[in-house]
Amino acid sequence: MLPLEPSVPVSRPLLSSDSALPPSASSDLDLLIALRKGVRQCTKHLIDDVVSYAQLSLDSKRFALAISSTVIPATYQEPLVISQWKAAMDEEINILTERGTWTLGRPPLGIDMVGCRWVFVVKYLLDGTVDRYKARLVAKGFAQTYGVDFFDTFFLVSLINTIRVLFFVVVNRDWEMSQVDVKNVFLYDDLQEEVYMEQPPGYVAQGSLRCASFGRQFMV
């Protein structure tokens, strides 16, 4: 028998990727994927290279600057100190009151109250100047349950397909068409269900209940 030669460790050939990995990176390979922390590098881009007003016309620049300079309130406390927003809120409350949208009263026991909030919008003219400040009181209808609080849903605006059919009939019959803007048109319809909603923030009636029940006209 031939004598056994002592075993000599055979080193595997080095790969090109082995030499490229730094010691810290090779040690990170032994960690779990969730524990590895990579270093990300990105090319710095100036915002002027992506977004620029240089190619816009003068009217477009004015419009863009007007939109960015107007701050829309996020809560109802902010507009109370600004005359334009306060006037818009007063106008909305006056219209709802004149239409008899709600009546103050004590809600029955076990009734789920619906909250409400203010939504503020600014309308602009073509030259970028402010046309008007709008404040809308909206109820939090998402808190209601279908089959319990309401039984039907509908769109407050016309569908585009309905408008196209109307235009088609007008053109074929050679009719004349006029446009009329009806303010707060959604207040002219009555609902069959009774809806109990909290009083509008900032307009809680003094000496009355915190809850407001809707009477002749109900709003969801």
N, C-alpha and C. Protein backbone atom coordinates (compact mmCIF):
# COMPACT_ATOMS: atom_id res chain seq x y z
N MET A 1 0.85 -1.19 0.00
CA MET A 1 0.00 0.00 0.00
C MET A 1 0.88 1.24 0.00
N LEU A 2 0.42 2.22 -0.75
CA LEU A 2 1.15 3.48 -0.81
C LEU A 2 0.80 4.31 0.41
N PRO A 3 1.78 5.00 0.94
CA PRO A 3 1.48 5.85 2.11
C PRO A 3 0.56 7.00 1.71
N LEU A 4 -0.34 7.30 2.66
CA LEU A 4 -1.27 8.41 2.41
C LEU A 4 -0.55 9.73 2.60
N GLU A 5 -0.75 10.61 1.65
CA GLU A 5 -0.18 11.94 1.75
C GLU A 5 -1.08 12.82 2.62
N PRO A 6 -0.48 13.68 3.38
CA PRO A 6 -1.30 14.60 4.20
C PRO A 6 -2.18 15.46 3.29
N SER A 7 -3.42 15.64 3.79
CA SER A 7 -4.37 16.43 2.98
C SER A 7 -3.96 17.88 2.98
N VAL A 8 -4.02 18.46 1.81
CA VAL A 8 -3.68 19.87 1.63
C VAL A 8 -4.95 20.60 1.24
N PRO A 9 -5.32 21.64 1.96
CA PRO A 9 -6.55 22.38 1.59
C PRO A 9 -6.41 22.99 0.21
N VAL A 10 -7.40 22.73 -0.56
CA VAL A 10 -7.43 23.26 -1.93
C VAL A 10 -8.24 24.54 -1.93
N SER A 11 -7.63 25.60 -2.29
CA SER A 11 -8.33 26.89 -2.34
C SER A 11 -9.07 27.01 -3.66
N ARG A 12 -10.35 27.48 -3.57
CA ARG A 12 -11.13 27.66 -4.79
C ARG A 12 -10.64 28.89 -5.51
N PRO A 13 -10.78 28.90 -6.81
CA PRO A 13 -10.33 30.08 -7.56
C PRO A 13 -11.13 31.31 -7.19
N LEU A 14 -10.44 32.43 -7.12
CA LEU A 14 -11.10 33.68 -6.78
C LEU A 14 -11.94 34.15 -7.95
N LEU A 15 -13.12 34.62 -7.62
CA LEU A 15 -14.00 35.19 -8.62
C LEU A 15 -13.82 36.70 -8.66
N SER A 16 -14.25 37.26 -9.78
CA SER A 16 -14.12 38.72 -9.92
C SER A 16 -15.00 39.45 -8.93
N SER A 17 -16.15 38.82 -8.57
CA SER A 17 -17.06 39.48 -7.63
C SER A 17 -16.51 39.50 -6.22
N ASP A 18 -15.64 38.51 -5.89
CA ASP A 18 -15.08 38.47 -4.55
C ASP A 18 -14.16 39.64 -4.29
N SER A 19 -13.37 39.99 -5.26
CA SER A 19 -12.44 41.09 -5.07
C SER A 19 -13.14 42.43 -5.05
N ALA A 20 -14.33 42.48 -5.66
CA ALA A 20 -15.03 43.76 -5.73
C ALA A 20 -15.77 44.06 -4.44
N LEU A 21 -16.09 43.03 -3.62
CA LEU A 21 -16.84 43.25 -2.41
C LEU A 21 -15.92 43.72 -1.30
N PRO A 22 -16.26 44.79 -0.63
CA PRO A 22 -15.46 45.22 0.51
C PRO A 22 -15.67 44.27 1.68
N PRO A 23 -14.79 44.30 2.68
CA PRO A 23 -14.94 43.40 3.83
C PRO A 23 -16.27 43.56 4.54
N SER A 24 -16.75 44.80 4.65
CA SER A 24 -18.02 45.02 5.33
C SER A 24 -19.17 44.41 4.57
N ALA A 25 -19.11 44.48 3.22
CA ALA A 25 -20.19 43.94 2.41
C ALA A 25 -20.21 42.43 2.47
N SER A 26 -19.00 41.80 2.45
CA SER A 26 -18.96 40.34 2.51
C SER A 26 -19.46 39.83 3.85
N SER A 27 -19.19 40.57 4.92
CA SER A 27 -19.69 40.15 6.22
C SER A 27 -21.19 40.32 6.34
N ASP A 28 -21.75 41.30 5.63
CA ASP A 28 -23.19 41.51 5.66
C ASP A 28 -23.94 40.39 4.98
N LEU A 29 -23.27 39.65 4.10
CA LEU A 29 -23.95 38.56 3.40
C LEU A 29 -24.34 37.44 4.35
N ASP A 30 -23.68 37.36 5.49
CA ASP A 30 -24.00 36.32 6.45
C ASP A 30 -25.23 36.67 7.30
N LEU A 31 -25.67 37.94 7.23
CA LEU A 31 -26.82 38.36 8.01
C LEU A 31 -28.11 38.06 7.26
N LEU A 32 -29.21 38.09 8.00
CA LEU A 32 -30.51 37.93 7.37
C LEU A 32 -30.82 39.13 6.50
N ILE A 33 -31.69 38.89 5.51
CA ILE A 33 -32.02 39.98 4.59
C ILE A 33 -32.64 41.15 5.33
N ALA A 34 -33.48 40.85 6.34
CA ALA A 34 -34.15 41.92 7.07
C ALA A 34 -33.19 42.76 7.89
N LEU A 35 -31.98 42.20 8.20
CA LEU A 35 -31.01 42.92 9.02
C LEU A 35 -29.96 43.64 8.20
N ARG A 36 -29.92 43.39 6.91
CA ARG A 36 -28.92 44.04 6.08
C ARG A 36 -29.30 45.50 5.84
N LYS A 37 -28.34 46.34 5.89
CA LYS A 37 -28.55 47.76 5.66
C LYS A 37 -27.69 48.18 4.47
N GLY A 38 -28.35 48.47 3.39
CA GLY A 38 -27.62 48.91 2.21
C GLY A 38 -27.48 50.42 2.17
N VAL A 39 -26.54 50.86 1.42
CA VAL A 39 -26.30 52.29 1.23
C VAL A 39 -26.77 52.66 -0.17
N ARG A 40 -27.76 53.50 -0.23
CA ARG A 40 -28.31 53.91 -1.52
C ARG A 40 -27.70 55.24 -1.94
N GLN A 41 -27.41 55.31 -3.19
CA GLN A 41 -26.87 56.54 -3.76
C GLN A 41 -27.73 56.94 -4.95
N CYS A 42 -27.96 58.20 -5.06
CA CYS A 42 -28.77 58.71 -6.17
C CYS A 42 -28.15 59.99 -6.68
N THR A 43 -28.48 60.28 -7.90
CA THR A 43 -27.97 61.49 -8.53
C THR A 43 -28.79 62.68 -8.09
N LYS A 44 -28.13 63.73 -7.68
CA LYS A 44 -28.84 64.92 -7.24
C LYS A 44 -29.38 65.69 -8.45
N HIS A 45 -30.69 65.96 -8.39
CA HIS A 45 -31.34 66.72 -9.45
C HIS A 45 -31.93 67.99 -8.85
N LEU A 46 -31.66 69.09 -9.49
CA LEU A 46 -32.24 70.35 -9.05
C LEU A 46 -33.70 70.42 -9.47
N ILE A 47 -34.54 71.02 -8.62
CA ILE A 47 -35.96 71.11 -8.93
C ILE A 47 -36.18 71.97 -10.18
N ASP A 48 -35.28 72.91 -10.44
CA ASP A 48 -35.43 73.77 -11.62
C ASP A 48 -35.24 72.99 -12.91
N ASP A 49 -34.54 71.85 -12.84
CA ASP A 49 -34.36 71.04 -14.04
C ASP A 49 -35.61 70.23 -14.37
N VAL A 50 -36.50 70.07 -13.41
CA VAL A 50 -37.70 69.27 -13.61
C VAL A 50 -38.93 70.15 -13.74
N VAL A 51 -39.09 71.10 -12.83
CA VAL A 51 -40.25 71.99 -12.82
C VAL A 51 -39.75 73.42 -12.98
N SER A 52 -40.25 74.09 -13.96
CA SER A 52 -39.83 75.46 -14.22
C SER A 52 -41.00 76.25 -14.81
N TYR A 53 -41.07 77.52 -14.44
CA TYR A 53 -42.09 78.42 -14.97
C TYR A 53 -41.61 79.18 -16.20
N ALA A 54 -40.42 78.85 -16.69
CA ALA A 54 -39.84 79.63 -17.78
C ALA A 54 -40.65 79.52 -19.06
N GLN A 55 -41.24 78.34 -19.32
CA GLN A 55 -41.97 78.13 -20.57
C GLN A 55 -43.44 78.55 -20.48
N LEU A 56 -43.89 78.99 -19.32
CA LEU A 56 -45.29 79.38 -19.16
C LEU A 56 -45.51 80.81 -19.62
N SER A 57 -46.72 81.07 -20.06
CA SER A 57 -47.08 82.43 -20.44
C SER A 57 -47.27 83.28 -19.19
N LEU A 58 -47.44 84.58 -19.39
CA LEU A 58 -47.58 85.48 -18.25
C LEU A 58 -48.85 85.19 -17.47
N ASP A 59 -49.95 84.93 -18.18
CA ASP A 59 -51.21 84.61 -17.50
C ASP A 59 -51.11 83.30 -16.72
N SER A 60 -50.42 82.31 -17.31
CA SER A 60 -50.26 81.03 -16.61
C SER A 60 -49.40 81.18 -15.37
N LYS A 61 -48.38 82.04 -15.44
CA LYS A 61 -47.55 82.28 -14.27
C LYS A 61 -48.35 82.93 -13.15
N ARG A 62 -49.18 83.91 -13.51
CA ARG A 62 -50.01 84.56 -12.50
C ARG A 62 -50.98 83.57 -11.86
N PHE A 63 -51.55 82.71 -12.70
CA PHE A 63 -52.50 81.72 -12.18
C PHE A 63 -51.81 80.75 -11.23
N ALA A 64 -50.63 80.27 -11.60
CA ALA A 64 -49.90 79.33 -10.75
C ALA A 64 -49.48 79.97 -9.43
N LEU A 65 -49.01 81.21 -9.50
CA LEU A 65 -48.60 81.90 -8.28
C LEU A 65 -49.78 82.21 -7.38
N ALA A 66 -50.95 82.52 -7.99
CA ALA A 66 -52.14 82.81 -7.19
C ALA A 66 -52.61 81.58 -6.43
N ILE A 67 -52.55 80.42 -7.09
CA ILE A 67 -52.97 79.19 -6.42
C ILE A 67 -52.03 78.83 -5.28
N SER A 68 -50.73 78.98 -5.51
CA SER A 68 -49.76 78.60 -4.48
C SER A 68 -49.75 79.58 -3.31
N SER A 69 -50.18 80.82 -3.54
CA SER A 69 -50.16 81.82 -2.47
C SER A 69 -51.41 81.81 -1.61
N THR A 70 -52.49 81.19 -2.09
CA THR A 70 -53.74 81.13 -1.33
C THR A 70 -53.74 79.89 -0.45
N VAL A 71 -53.93 80.10 0.84
CA VAL A 71 -53.93 79.01 1.81
C VAL A 71 -55.38 78.63 2.12
N ILE A 72 -55.72 77.35 1.91
CA ILE A 72 -57.06 76.86 2.22
C ILE A 72 -57.05 76.32 3.64
N PRO A 73 -57.96 76.77 4.48
CA PRO A 73 -57.97 76.33 5.89
C PRO A 73 -58.22 74.83 6.01
N ALA A 74 -57.61 74.24 7.01
CA ALA A 74 -57.79 72.81 7.28
C ALA A 74 -58.82 72.58 8.37
N THR A 75 -59.02 73.55 9.26
CA THR A 75 -60.01 73.45 10.33
C THR A 75 -60.90 74.68 10.31
N TYR A 76 -62.02 74.60 11.00
CA TYR A 76 -62.97 75.71 10.98
C TYR A 76 -62.50 76.86 11.88
N GLN A 77 -61.54 76.62 12.78
CA GLN A 77 -61.07 77.70 13.63
C GLN A 77 -60.28 78.74 12.85
N GLU A 78 -59.57 78.32 11.81
CA GLU A 78 -58.74 79.25 11.04
C GLU A 78 -59.57 80.30 10.30
N PRO A 79 -60.66 79.95 9.60
CA PRO A 79 -61.41 80.97 8.85
C PRO A 79 -62.13 81.98 9.73
N LEU A 80 -62.33 81.67 11.01
CA LEU A 80 -63.08 82.59 11.86
C LEU A 80 -62.38 83.92 12.04
N VAL A 81 -61.08 83.98 11.81
CA VAL A 81 -60.33 85.23 11.96
C VAL A 81 -60.03 85.88 10.62
N ILE A 82 -60.47 85.27 9.51
CA ILE A 82 -60.27 85.83 8.18
C ILE A 82 -61.64 86.23 7.63
N SER A 83 -61.78 87.48 7.24
CA SER A 83 -63.10 88.01 6.87
C SER A 83 -63.69 87.30 5.66
N GLN A 84 -62.88 86.96 4.65
CA GLN A 84 -63.41 86.32 3.45
C GLN A 84 -64.00 84.95 3.76
N TRP A 85 -63.27 84.15 4.51
CA TRP A 85 -63.77 82.82 4.85
C TRP A 85 -64.95 82.89 5.81
N LYS A 86 -64.91 83.82 6.74
CA LYS A 86 -66.03 83.97 7.69
C LYS A 86 -67.30 84.36 6.95
N ALA A 87 -67.18 85.23 5.96
CA ALA A 87 -68.36 85.62 5.17
C ALA A 87 -68.91 84.44 4.38
N ALA A 88 -68.03 83.60 3.86
CA ALA A 88 -68.49 82.42 3.12
C ALA A 88 -69.21 81.44 4.04
N MET A 89 -68.72 81.27 5.26
CA MET A 89 -69.39 80.39 6.22
C MET A 89 -70.74 80.95 6.63
N ASP A 90 -70.81 82.26 6.85
CA ASP A 90 -72.10 82.88 7.20
C ASP A 90 -73.11 82.73 6.07
N GLU A 91 -72.66 82.87 4.83
CA GLU A 91 -73.56 82.72 3.69
C GLU A 91 -74.11 81.30 3.62
N GLU A 92 -73.28 80.30 3.85
CA GLU A 92 -73.73 78.92 3.82
C GLU A 92 -74.76 78.65 4.92
N ILE A 93 -74.50 79.14 6.12
CA ILE A 93 -75.43 78.93 7.23
C ILE A 93 -76.75 79.64 6.96
N ASN A 94 -76.71 80.84 6.41
CA ASN A 94 -77.93 81.59 6.13
C ASN A 94 -78.79 80.88 5.09
N ILE A 95 -78.15 80.32 4.06
CA ILE A 95 -78.91 79.60 3.02
C ILE A 95 -79.57 78.36 3.60
N LEU A 96 -78.82 77.61 4.40
CA LEU A 96 -79.39 76.40 5.01
C LEU A 96 -80.53 76.74 5.96
N THR A 97 -80.42 77.87 6.66
CA THR A 97 -81.48 78.26 7.58
C THR A 97 -82.71 78.74 6.83
N GLU A 98 -82.52 79.53 5.76
CA GLU A 98 -83.65 80.02 4.99
C GLU A 98 -84.41 78.89 4.31
N ARG A 99 -83.72 77.84 3.90
CA ARG A 99 -84.37 76.71 3.25
C ARG A 99 -85.07 75.79 4.25
N GLY A 100 -84.92 76.05 5.53
CA GLY A 100 -85.52 75.18 6.53
C GLY A 100 -84.92 73.80 6.53
N THR A 101 -83.60 73.75 6.35
CA THR A 101 -82.93 72.45 6.22
C THR A 101 -83.01 71.64 7.49
N TRP A 102 -82.96 72.28 8.65
CA TRP A 102 -83.00 71.53 9.90
C TRP A 102 -83.80 72.29 10.94
N THR A 103 -84.13 71.59 12.01
CA THR A 103 -84.76 72.16 13.19
C THR A 103 -84.05 71.61 14.41
N LEU A 104 -83.86 72.47 15.40
CA LEU A 104 -83.19 72.04 16.62
C LEU A 104 -84.16 71.26 17.49
N GLY A 105 -83.68 70.22 18.10
CA GLY A 105 -84.54 69.41 18.97
C GLY A 105 -83.74 68.33 19.66
N ARG A 106 -84.43 67.61 20.51
CA ARG A 106 -83.80 66.52 21.25
C ARG A 106 -83.91 65.23 20.45
N PRO A 107 -82.81 64.58 20.13
CA PRO A 107 -82.88 63.34 19.35
C PRO A 107 -83.41 62.19 20.20
N PRO A 108 -84.09 61.23 19.60
CA PRO A 108 -84.58 60.07 20.35
C PRO A 108 -83.42 59.25 20.89
N LEU A 109 -83.72 58.46 21.91
CA LEU A 109 -82.70 57.60 22.50
C LEU A 109 -82.29 56.51 21.52
N GLY A 110 -81.01 56.22 21.48
CA GLY A 110 -80.50 55.16 20.61
C GLY A 110 -80.24 55.59 19.19
N ILE A 111 -80.42 56.89 18.87
CA ILE A 111 -80.18 57.38 17.51
C ILE A 111 -78.69 57.64 17.32
N ASP A 112 -78.15 57.16 16.21
CA ASP A 112 -76.75 57.43 15.88
C ASP A 112 -76.64 58.82 15.28
N MET A 113 -75.90 59.67 15.94
CA MET A 113 -75.72 61.04 15.46
C MET A 113 -74.68 61.05 14.34
N VAL A 114 -74.94 61.87 13.34
CA VAL A 114 -74.03 62.05 12.21
C VAL A 114 -73.24 63.34 12.44
N GLY A 115 -71.96 63.26 12.33
CA GLY A 115 -71.13 64.45 12.47
C GLY A 115 -71.10 65.27 11.19
N CYS A 116 -70.48 66.41 11.24
CA CYS A 116 -70.36 67.28 10.06
C CYS A 116 -69.05 68.04 10.14
N ARG A 117 -68.65 68.59 9.02
CA ARG A 117 -67.41 69.36 8.97
C ARG A 117 -67.52 70.39 7.86
N TRP A 118 -66.62 71.36 7.89
CA TRP A 118 -66.56 72.40 6.87
C TRP A 118 -65.54 72.04 5.80
N VAL A 119 -65.90 72.31 4.55
CA VAL A 119 -65.00 72.12 3.41
C VAL A 119 -64.84 73.47 2.72
N PHE A 120 -63.61 73.89 2.50
CA PHE A 120 -63.32 75.21 1.94
C PHE A 120 -62.69 75.06 0.56
N VAL A 121 -63.17 75.89 -0.37
CA VAL A 121 -62.70 75.85 -1.76
C VAL A 121 -62.55 77.28 -2.25
N VAL A 122 -61.54 77.51 -3.07
CA VAL A 122 -61.31 78.81 -3.70
C VAL A 122 -61.53 78.67 -5.20
N LYS A 123 -62.34 79.54 -5.78
CA LYS A 123 -62.58 79.55 -7.22
C LYS A 123 -61.82 80.72 -7.82
N TYR A 124 -61.14 80.45 -8.95
CA TYR A 124 -60.29 81.44 -9.59
C TYR A 124 -60.86 81.83 -10.95
N LEU A 125 -60.52 83.04 -11.37
CA LEU A 125 -60.82 83.49 -12.72
C LEU A 125 -59.71 83.05 -13.67
N LEU A 126 -59.90 83.31 -14.96
CA LEU A 126 -58.91 82.88 -15.94
C LEU A 126 -57.57 83.57 -15.76
N ASP A 127 -57.57 84.79 -15.24
CA ASP A 127 -56.31 85.51 -15.06
C ASP A 127 -55.60 85.16 -13.76
N GLY A 128 -56.16 84.23 -12.99
CA GLY A 128 -55.52 83.80 -11.76
C GLY A 128 -55.98 84.51 -10.51
N THR A 129 -56.80 85.54 -10.65
CA THR A 129 -57.31 86.24 -9.48
C THR A 129 -58.43 85.43 -8.82
N VAL A 130 -58.63 85.68 -7.55
CA VAL A 130 -59.64 84.94 -6.79
C VAL A 130 -61.02 85.43 -7.17
N ASP A 131 -61.89 84.50 -7.55
CA ASP A 131 -63.27 84.83 -7.88
C ASP A 131 -64.12 84.90 -6.63
N ARG A 132 -64.09 83.84 -5.84
CA ARG A 132 -64.87 83.82 -4.61
C ARG A 132 -64.34 82.73 -3.69
N TYR A 133 -64.64 82.91 -2.41
CA TYR A 133 -64.32 81.92 -1.40
C TYR A 133 -65.60 81.14 -1.08
N LYS A 134 -65.52 79.82 -1.13
CA LYS A 134 -66.69 78.99 -0.90
C LYS A 134 -66.48 78.12 0.34
N ALA A 135 -67.50 78.06 1.15
CA ALA A 135 -67.50 77.20 2.34
C ALA A 135 -68.73 76.32 2.28
N ARG A 136 -68.55 75.02 2.40
CA ARG A 136 -69.65 74.07 2.33
C ARG A 136 -69.69 73.23 3.61
N LEU A 137 -70.89 73.10 4.15
CA LEU A 137 -71.09 72.25 5.32
C LEU A 137 -71.53 70.87 4.84
N VAL A 138 -70.74 69.87 5.11
CA VAL A 138 -71.03 68.51 4.65
C VAL A 138 -71.17 67.59 5.85
N ALA A 139 -72.10 66.67 5.74
CA ALA A 139 -72.31 65.67 6.79
C ALA A 139 -71.41 64.46 6.54
N LYS A 140 -71.01 63.82 7.59
CA LYS A 140 -70.16 62.63 7.50
C LYS A 140 -71.03 61.41 7.25
N GLY A 141 -71.47 61.28 6.00
CA GLY A 141 -72.37 60.19 5.65
C GLY A 141 -71.75 58.82 5.74
N PHE A 142 -70.42 58.74 5.77
CA PHE A 142 -69.77 57.43 5.84
C PHE A 142 -70.02 56.75 7.19
N ALA A 143 -70.52 57.50 8.18
CA ALA A 143 -70.81 56.91 9.48
C ALA A 143 -72.16 56.21 9.50
N GLN A 144 -72.95 56.35 8.43
CA GLN A 144 -74.26 55.72 8.37
C GLN A 144 -74.15 54.29 7.83
N THR A 145 -75.15 53.48 8.13
CA THR A 145 -75.19 52.08 7.72
C THR A 145 -76.34 51.88 6.75
N TYR A 146 -76.04 51.23 5.61
CA TYR A 146 -77.07 50.97 4.61
C TYR A 146 -78.11 49.99 5.17
N GLY A 147 -79.38 50.30 4.95
CA GLY A 147 -80.46 49.48 5.46
C GLY A 147 -80.92 49.85 6.84
N VAL A 148 -80.13 50.69 7.53
CA VAL A 148 -80.50 51.15 8.87
C VAL A 148 -80.75 52.66 8.87
N ASP A 149 -79.75 53.41 8.39
CA ASP A 149 -79.88 54.86 8.34
C ASP A 149 -80.36 55.37 6.99
N PHE A 150 -80.14 54.62 5.92
CA PHE A 150 -80.60 55.04 4.59
C PHE A 150 -80.82 53.79 3.76
N PHE A 151 -81.61 53.97 2.68
CA PHE A 151 -81.97 52.83 1.82
C PHE A 151 -81.69 53.10 0.34
N ASP A 152 -81.17 54.27 0.03
CA ASP A 152 -80.93 54.59 -1.38
C ASP A 152 -79.80 55.59 -1.47
N THR A 153 -79.01 55.49 -2.53
CA THR A 153 -77.94 56.44 -2.83
C THR A 153 -78.12 56.97 -4.24
N PHE A 154 -77.69 58.20 -4.46
CA PHE A 154 -77.85 58.81 -5.77
C PHE A 154 -76.76 59.86 -5.96
N PHE A 155 -76.55 60.23 -7.22
CA PHE A 155 -75.57 61.24 -7.56
C PHE A 155 -76.19 62.62 -7.45
N LEU A 156 -75.42 63.57 -6.92
CA LEU A 156 -75.90 64.95 -6.83
C LEU A 156 -75.73 65.70 -8.13
N VAL A 157 -75.02 65.12 -9.08
CA VAL A 157 -74.80 65.77 -10.37
C VAL A 157 -75.21 64.82 -11.47
N SER A 158 -75.39 65.37 -12.66
CA SER A 158 -75.81 64.57 -13.80
C SER A 158 -74.65 63.73 -14.31
N LEU A 159 -74.97 62.56 -14.82
CA LEU A 159 -73.96 61.71 -15.42
C LEU A 159 -73.57 62.25 -16.79
N ILE A 160 -72.35 62.02 -17.20
CA ILE A 160 -71.87 62.52 -18.48
C ILE A 160 -72.64 61.89 -19.64
N ASN A 161 -73.08 60.63 -19.48
CA ASN A 161 -73.86 59.99 -20.54
C ASN A 161 -75.22 60.66 -20.71
N THR A 162 -75.82 61.10 -19.61
CA THR A 162 -77.10 61.81 -19.69
C THR A 162 -76.94 63.14 -20.41
N ILE A 163 -75.85 63.84 -20.14
CA ILE A 163 -75.61 65.12 -20.80
C ILE A 163 -75.39 64.92 -22.30
N ARG A 164 -74.69 63.87 -22.67
CA ARG A 164 -74.46 63.60 -24.09
C ARG A 164 -75.76 63.28 -24.82
N VAL A 165 -76.64 62.52 -24.18
CA VAL A 165 -77.94 62.23 -24.80
C VAL A 165 -78.75 63.51 -24.96
N LEU A 166 -78.68 64.38 -23.98
CA LEU A 166 -79.40 65.66 -24.07
C LEU A 166 -78.87 66.50 -25.23
N PHE A 167 -77.57 66.59 -25.37
CA PHE A 167 -76.98 67.33 -26.49
C PHE A 167 -77.38 66.71 -27.83
N PHE A 168 -77.43 65.40 -27.88
CA PHE A 168 -77.80 64.71 -29.13
C PHE A 168 -79.23 65.07 -29.53
N VAL A 169 -80.14 65.08 -28.57
CA VAL A 169 -81.54 65.41 -28.87
C VAL A 169 -81.67 66.87 -29.29
N VAL A 170 -80.95 67.75 -28.62
CA VAL A 170 -81.02 69.18 -28.95
C VAL A 170 -80.53 69.44 -30.36
N VAL A 171 -79.44 68.81 -30.75
CA VAL A 171 -78.89 69.04 -32.09
C VAL A 171 -79.81 68.47 -33.16
N ASN A 172 -80.36 67.29 -32.93
CA ASN A 172 -81.21 66.66 -33.94
C ASN A 172 -82.53 67.39 -34.11
N ARG A 173 -83.05 67.99 -33.06
CA ARG A 173 -84.32 68.70 -33.15
C ARG A 173 -84.14 70.20 -33.35
N ASP A 174 -82.89 70.64 -33.45
CA ASP A 174 -82.59 72.05 -33.70
C ASP A 174 -83.21 72.94 -32.62
N TRP A 175 -83.05 72.55 -31.38
CA TRP A 175 -83.55 73.34 -30.27
C TRP A 175 -82.49 74.36 -29.82
N GLU A 176 -82.95 75.34 -29.06
CA GLU A 176 -82.05 76.30 -28.44
C GLU A 176 -81.82 75.88 -26.98
N MET A 177 -80.60 76.04 -26.54
CA MET A 177 -80.24 75.61 -25.18
C MET A 177 -79.67 76.79 -24.41
N SER A 178 -80.09 76.91 -23.16
CA SER A 178 -79.60 77.96 -22.26
C SER A 178 -79.07 77.32 -20.99
N GLN A 179 -78.11 77.94 -20.38
CA GLN A 179 -77.51 77.45 -19.15
C GLN A 179 -77.95 78.30 -17.97
N VAL A 180 -78.38 77.66 -16.90
CA VAL A 180 -78.83 78.34 -15.69
C VAL A 180 -78.10 77.73 -14.50
N ASP A 181 -77.56 78.56 -13.67
CA ASP A 181 -76.85 78.11 -12.47
C ASP A 181 -77.77 78.30 -11.26
N VAL A 182 -78.20 77.20 -10.66
CA VAL A 182 -79.07 77.23 -9.49
C VAL A 182 -78.22 76.97 -8.25
N LYS A 183 -78.17 77.93 -7.36
CA LYS A 183 -77.35 77.79 -6.17
C LYS A 183 -78.03 76.87 -5.16
N ASN A 184 -77.23 75.98 -4.58
CA ASN A 184 -77.70 75.04 -3.55
C ASN A 184 -78.92 74.26 -4.02
N VAL A 185 -78.83 73.73 -5.24
CA VAL A 185 -79.96 73.01 -5.82
C VAL A 185 -80.28 71.74 -5.04
N PHE A 186 -79.30 71.16 -4.37
CA PHE A 186 -79.54 69.90 -3.65
C PHE A 186 -80.43 70.09 -2.43
N LEU A 187 -80.70 71.34 -2.04
CA LEU A 187 -81.56 71.58 -0.88
C LEU A 187 -83.04 71.58 -1.23
N TYR A 188 -83.38 71.45 -2.51
CA TYR A 188 -84.78 71.53 -2.92
C TYR A 188 -85.46 70.17 -2.92
N ASP A 189 -84.83 69.15 -2.46
CA ASP A 189 -85.41 67.82 -2.46
C ASP A 189 -85.51 67.32 -1.03
N ASP A 190 -86.55 66.55 -0.76
CA ASP A 190 -86.77 65.99 0.56
C ASP A 190 -86.42 64.50 0.57
N LEU A 191 -85.92 64.06 1.71
CA LEU A 191 -85.64 62.64 1.90
C LEU A 191 -86.71 62.02 2.79
N GLN A 192 -86.89 60.72 2.63
CA GLN A 192 -87.89 60.02 3.41
C GLN A 192 -87.39 59.67 4.82
N GLU A 193 -86.08 59.54 4.97
CA GLU A 193 -85.52 59.16 6.26
C GLU A 193 -85.26 60.40 7.11
N GLU A 194 -85.32 60.21 8.41
CA GLU A 194 -84.94 61.27 9.34
C GLU A 194 -83.47 61.11 9.70
N VAL A 195 -82.75 62.22 9.60
CA VAL A 195 -81.32 62.22 9.87
C VAL A 195 -81.05 63.19 11.01
N TYR A 196 -80.33 62.73 12.00
CA TYR A 196 -79.98 63.56 13.15
C TYR A 196 -78.48 63.84 13.10
N MET A 197 -78.16 65.12 13.07
CA MET A 197 -76.78 65.53 12.88
C MET A 197 -76.38 66.53 13.96
N GLU A 198 -75.12 66.52 14.32
CA GLU A 198 -74.61 67.50 15.27
C GLU A 198 -74.62 68.89 14.65
N GLN A 199 -74.70 69.88 15.50
CA GLN A 199 -74.74 71.26 15.01
C GLN A 199 -73.41 71.61 14.34
N PRO A 200 -73.45 72.53 13.36
CA PRO A 200 -72.23 72.89 12.63
C PRO A 200 -71.17 73.46 13.56
N PRO A 201 -69.93 73.06 13.40
CA PRO A 201 -68.85 73.62 14.23
C PRO A 201 -68.74 75.13 14.04
N GLY A 202 -68.67 75.84 15.16
CA GLY A 202 -68.58 77.28 15.11
C GLY A 202 -69.92 77.98 15.07
N TYR A 203 -71.02 77.24 14.93
CA TYR A 203 -72.36 77.84 14.85
C TYR A 203 -73.33 77.07 15.75
N VAL A 204 -72.87 76.70 16.92
CA VAL A 204 -73.73 76.01 17.87
C VAL A 204 -74.64 77.04 18.53
N ALA A 205 -75.95 76.81 18.47
CA ALA A 205 -76.92 77.75 19.03
C ALA A 205 -76.76 77.83 20.54
N GLN A 206 -76.74 79.06 21.04
CA GLN A 206 -76.57 79.26 22.47
C GLN A 206 -77.83 78.84 23.23
N GLY A 207 -77.64 78.12 24.31
CA GLY A 207 -78.76 77.72 25.14
C GLY A 207 -79.59 76.59 24.58
N SER A 208 -79.14 75.94 23.51
CA SER A 208 -79.89 74.84 22.92
C SER A 208 -79.08 73.56 23.04
N LEU A 209 -79.65 72.51 22.52
CA LEU A 209 -78.98 71.22 22.59
C LEU A 209 -77.79 71.18 21.65
N ARG A 210 -76.90 70.26 21.92
CA ARG A 210 -75.74 70.09 21.05
C ARG A 210 -76.14 69.41 19.75
N CYS A 211 -77.25 68.71 19.74
CA CYS A 211 -77.68 67.95 18.58
C CYS A 211 -78.73 68.73 17.79
N ALA A 212 -78.67 68.61 16.49
CA ALA A 212 -79.64 69.25 15.60
C ALA A 212 -80.32 68.18 14.78
N SER A 213 -81.65 68.20 14.76
CA SER A 213 -82.39 67.23 13.96
C SER A 213 -82.89 67.91 12.70
N PHE A 214 -82.86 67.20 11.60
CA PHE A 214 -83.28 67.75 10.33
C PHE A 214 -84.79 67.61 10.19
N GLY A 215 -85.44 68.70 9.80
CA GLY A 215 -86.89 68.70 9.72
C GLY A 215 -87.41 68.52 8.31
N ARG A 216 -87.87 69.61 7.68
CA ARG A 216 -88.53 69.51 6.38
C ARG A 216 -87.62 68.92 5.34
N GLN A 217 -86.39 69.37 5.31
CA GLN A 217 -85.43 68.85 4.34
C GLN A 217 -84.29 68.18 5.10
N PHE A 218 -83.92 67.03 4.62
CA PHE A 218 -82.89 66.25 5.29
C PHE A 218 -81.64 66.21 4.42
N MET A 219 -80.49 66.31 5.04
CA MET A 219 -79.23 66.33 4.31
C MET A 219 -78.38 65.18 4.78
N VAL A 220 -77.78 64.43 3.84
CA VAL A 220 -76.88 63.33 4.18
C VAL A 220 -75.50 63.64 3.64
